């Protein structure tokens, strides 16, 4: 596993510049079984009704599991999402949303993670189950 500082470096490299950096995801903590990330709410992330867009919440859950896998394998993994089930439990308002990912099963081909999502008042706003496919790492160049 990587230290929080090493994971922050991986997180910056993996998310600059791309969709995740546009959303504004931030690594909060590394845990033995996963990671915690968050996202500050901004007007451009809200839907027509003034609450966080569900796609942003889903992105947070997806990235949290991906980063948990990266953390588990010490930064030496490549993976892609193959399935995600998310339940939105309440609208997200306030200043930020936080995702705590835990790896439930790490296999040789598939890895499954559970994500709990919270608003800044620490109310549960969602729950997700995300499955990733582990990709073969290309051989090192000689």
Protein backbone atom coordinates (compact mmCIF):
# COMPACT_ATOMS: atom_id res chain seq x y z
CA UNK A 1 0.00 0.00 0.00
CA UNK A 2 1.01 3.59 -0.58
CA UNK A 3 1.27 6.36 1.98
CA UNK A 4 -1.20 9.23 1.79
CA UNK A 5 1.51 11.46 0.26
CA UNK A 6 2.27 8.84 -2.41
CA UNK A 7 -1.45 8.39 -3.10
CA UNK A 8 -1.89 12.15 -3.47
CA UNK A 9 0.85 12.14 -6.11
CA UNK A 10 -0.84 9.24 -7.93
CA UNK A 11 -4.19 11.02 -7.64
CA UNK A 12 -2.76 14.22 -9.14
CA UNK A 13 -1.09 12.34 -12.03
CA UNK A 14 -4.18 10.24 -12.71
CA UNK A 15 -6.59 13.17 -12.70
CA UNK A 16 -4.74 16.04 -14.36
CA UNK A 17 -6.09 17.27 -16.71
CA UNK A 18 -9.21 15.23 -17.36
CA UNK A 19 -12.85 14.86 -16.36
CA UNK A 20 -12.06 14.10 -12.72
CA UNK A 21 -9.98 17.25 -12.37
CA UNK A 22 -12.80 19.28 -13.93
CA UNK A 23 -15.19 17.91 -11.31
CA UNK A 24 -12.72 18.84 -8.56
CA UNK A 25 -12.16 15.54 -6.75
CA UNK A 26 -9.75 15.52 -3.80
CA UNK A 27 -8.12 12.69 -1.88
CA UNK A 28 -8.96 13.03 1.83
CA UNK A 29 -7.57 9.86 3.45
CA UNK A 30 -6.11 6.42 2.77
CA UNK A 31 -7.32 3.47 4.84
CA UNK A 32 -6.19 -0.15 5.07
CA UNK A 33 -9.33 -1.20 3.16
CA UNK A 34 -9.84 1.78 0.83
CA UNK A 35 -9.83 5.57 0.50
CA UNK A 36 -11.94 8.63 1.18
CA UNK A 37 -12.32 11.37 -1.44
CA UNK A 38 -14.50 14.45 -1.63
CA UNK A 39 -15.77 17.12 -3.95
CA UNK A 40 -16.72 20.72 -3.21
CA UNK A 41 -20.11 21.69 -4.58
CA UNK A 42 -20.01 24.46 -7.17
CA UNK A 43 -22.87 25.97 -9.19
CA UNK A 44 -21.77 24.20 -12.37
CA UNK A 45 -22.10 20.79 -10.63
CA UNK A 46 -25.72 21.35 -9.65
CA UNK A 47 -28.74 20.22 -11.60
CA UNK A 48 -31.72 22.31 -12.69
CA UNK A 49 -33.24 22.00 -9.19
CA UNK A 50 -30.16 23.34 -7.39
CA UNK A 51 -28.91 20.05 -5.94
CA UNK A 52 -25.80 18.06 -6.85
CA UNK A 53 -26.15 16.33 -10.22
CA UNK A 54 -26.42 12.54 -9.87
CA UNK A 55 -23.64 12.10 -12.41
CA UNK A 56 -21.22 13.89 -10.11
CA UNK A 57 -22.22 11.63 -7.22
CA UNK A 58 -21.76 8.56 -9.43
CA UNK A 59 -18.38 9.85 -10.58
CA UNK A 60 -17.30 10.25 -6.96
CA UNK A 61 -18.30 6.64 -6.16
CA UNK A 62 -16.60 5.30 -9.30
CA UNK A 63 -13.33 7.17 -8.73
CA UNK A 64 -13.27 6.26 -5.02
CA UNK A 65 -13.23 2.55 -5.84
CA UNK A 66 -10.67 3.04 -8.61
CA UNK A 67 -8.39 4.89 -6.22
CA UNK A 68 -8.93 2.24 -3.52
CA UNK A 69 -7.73 -0.38 -6.01
CA UNK A 70 -4.74 1.76 -6.93
CA UNK A 71 -3.95 2.12 -3.22
CA UNK A 72 -4.34 -1.64 -2.63
CA UNK A 73 -1.89 -2.50 -5.41
CA UNK A 74 0.61 0.20 -4.45
CA UNK A 75 0.02 2.20 -7.62
CA UNK A 76 0.93 -0.75 -9.87
CA UNK A 77 -2.50 -1.49 -11.29
CA UNK A 78 -4.63 -0.62 -14.27
CA UNK A 79 -8.36 -1.06 -14.09
CA UNK A 80 -11.66 -0.02 -15.61
CA UNK A 81 -15.23 0.05 -14.38
CA UNK A 82 -17.47 -2.76 -15.62
CA UNK A 83 -20.56 -2.26 -13.46
CA UNK A 84 -21.97 0.17 -10.92
CA UNK A 85 -25.15 0.17 -8.86
CA UNK A 86 -25.89 3.36 -6.96
CA UNK A 87 -28.76 4.34 -4.71
CA UNK A 88 -29.36 8.04 -4.21
CA UNK A 89 -30.84 8.39 -0.71
CA UNK A 90 -31.33 12.15 -0.45
CA UNK A 91 -30.50 15.29 -2.47
CA UNK A 92 -27.06 16.73 -1.86
CA UNK A 93 -26.91 20.40 -0.91
CA UNK A 94 -24.40 22.27 1.18
CA UNK A 95 -20.71 22.64 0.49
CA UNK A 96 -19.27 19.20 -0.27
CA UNK A 97 -19.93 15.50 -0.78
CA UNK A 98 -17.63 12.76 0.53
CA UNK A 99 -17.14 9.15 -0.61
CA UNK A 100 -15.67 6.41 1.58
CA UNK A 101 -14.73 3.36 -0.51
CA UNK A 102 -14.00 -0.09 0.92
CA UNK A 103 -12.76 -3.01 -1.14
CA UNK A 104 -14.99 -6.01 -0.51
CA UNK A 105 -13.31 -8.53 -2.84
CA UNK A 106 -10.03 -8.32 -4.69
CA UNK A 107 -9.79 -11.04 -7.30
CA UNK A 108 -7.41 -11.77 -10.14
CA UNK A 109 -9.76 -10.33 -12.79
CA UNK A 110 -12.52 -8.45 -10.94
CA UNK A 111 -12.54 -6.29 -7.83
CA UNK A 112 -15.66 -5.16 -5.99
CA UNK A 113 -15.90 -2.05 -3.84
CA UNK A 114 -18.61 -0.55 -1.67
CA UNK A 115 -18.98 3.21 -1.34
CA UNK A 116 -20.82 5.20 1.30
CA UNK A 117 -21.57 8.80 0.31
CA UNK A 118 -22.12 11.63 2.81
CA UNK A 119 -22.95 15.33 2.69
CA UNK A 120 -21.10 17.91 4.76
CA UNK A 121 -23.59 17.39 7.60
CA UNK A 122 -22.40 13.73 7.66
CA UNK A 123 -25.80 12.46 6.51
CA UNK A 124 -25.72 9.41 4.25
CA UNK A 125 -26.77 10.59 0.79
CA UNK A 126 -26.00 7.48 -1.22
CA UNK A 127 -24.55 4.00 -1.41
CA UNK A 128 -22.87 2.26 -4.33
CA UNK A 129 -21.47 -1.10 -5.31
CA UNK A 130 -18.83 -0.85 -8.03
CA UNK A 131 -17.11 -3.65 -9.96
CA UNK A 132 -13.81 -3.06 -11.72
CA UNK A 133 -11.95 -5.24 -14.19
CA UNK A 134 -8.24 -5.49 -13.54
CA UNK A 135 -6.34 -4.94 -16.78
CA UNK A 136 -3.09 -6.61 -17.64
CA UNK A 137 -0.18 -4.35 -16.96
CA UNK A 138 2.00 -3.99 -20.05
CA UNK A 139 5.47 -5.52 -19.67
CA UNK A 140 8.25 -3.14 -18.69
CA UNK A 141 10.29 -1.80 -21.60
CA UNK A 142 13.81 -3.18 -21.83
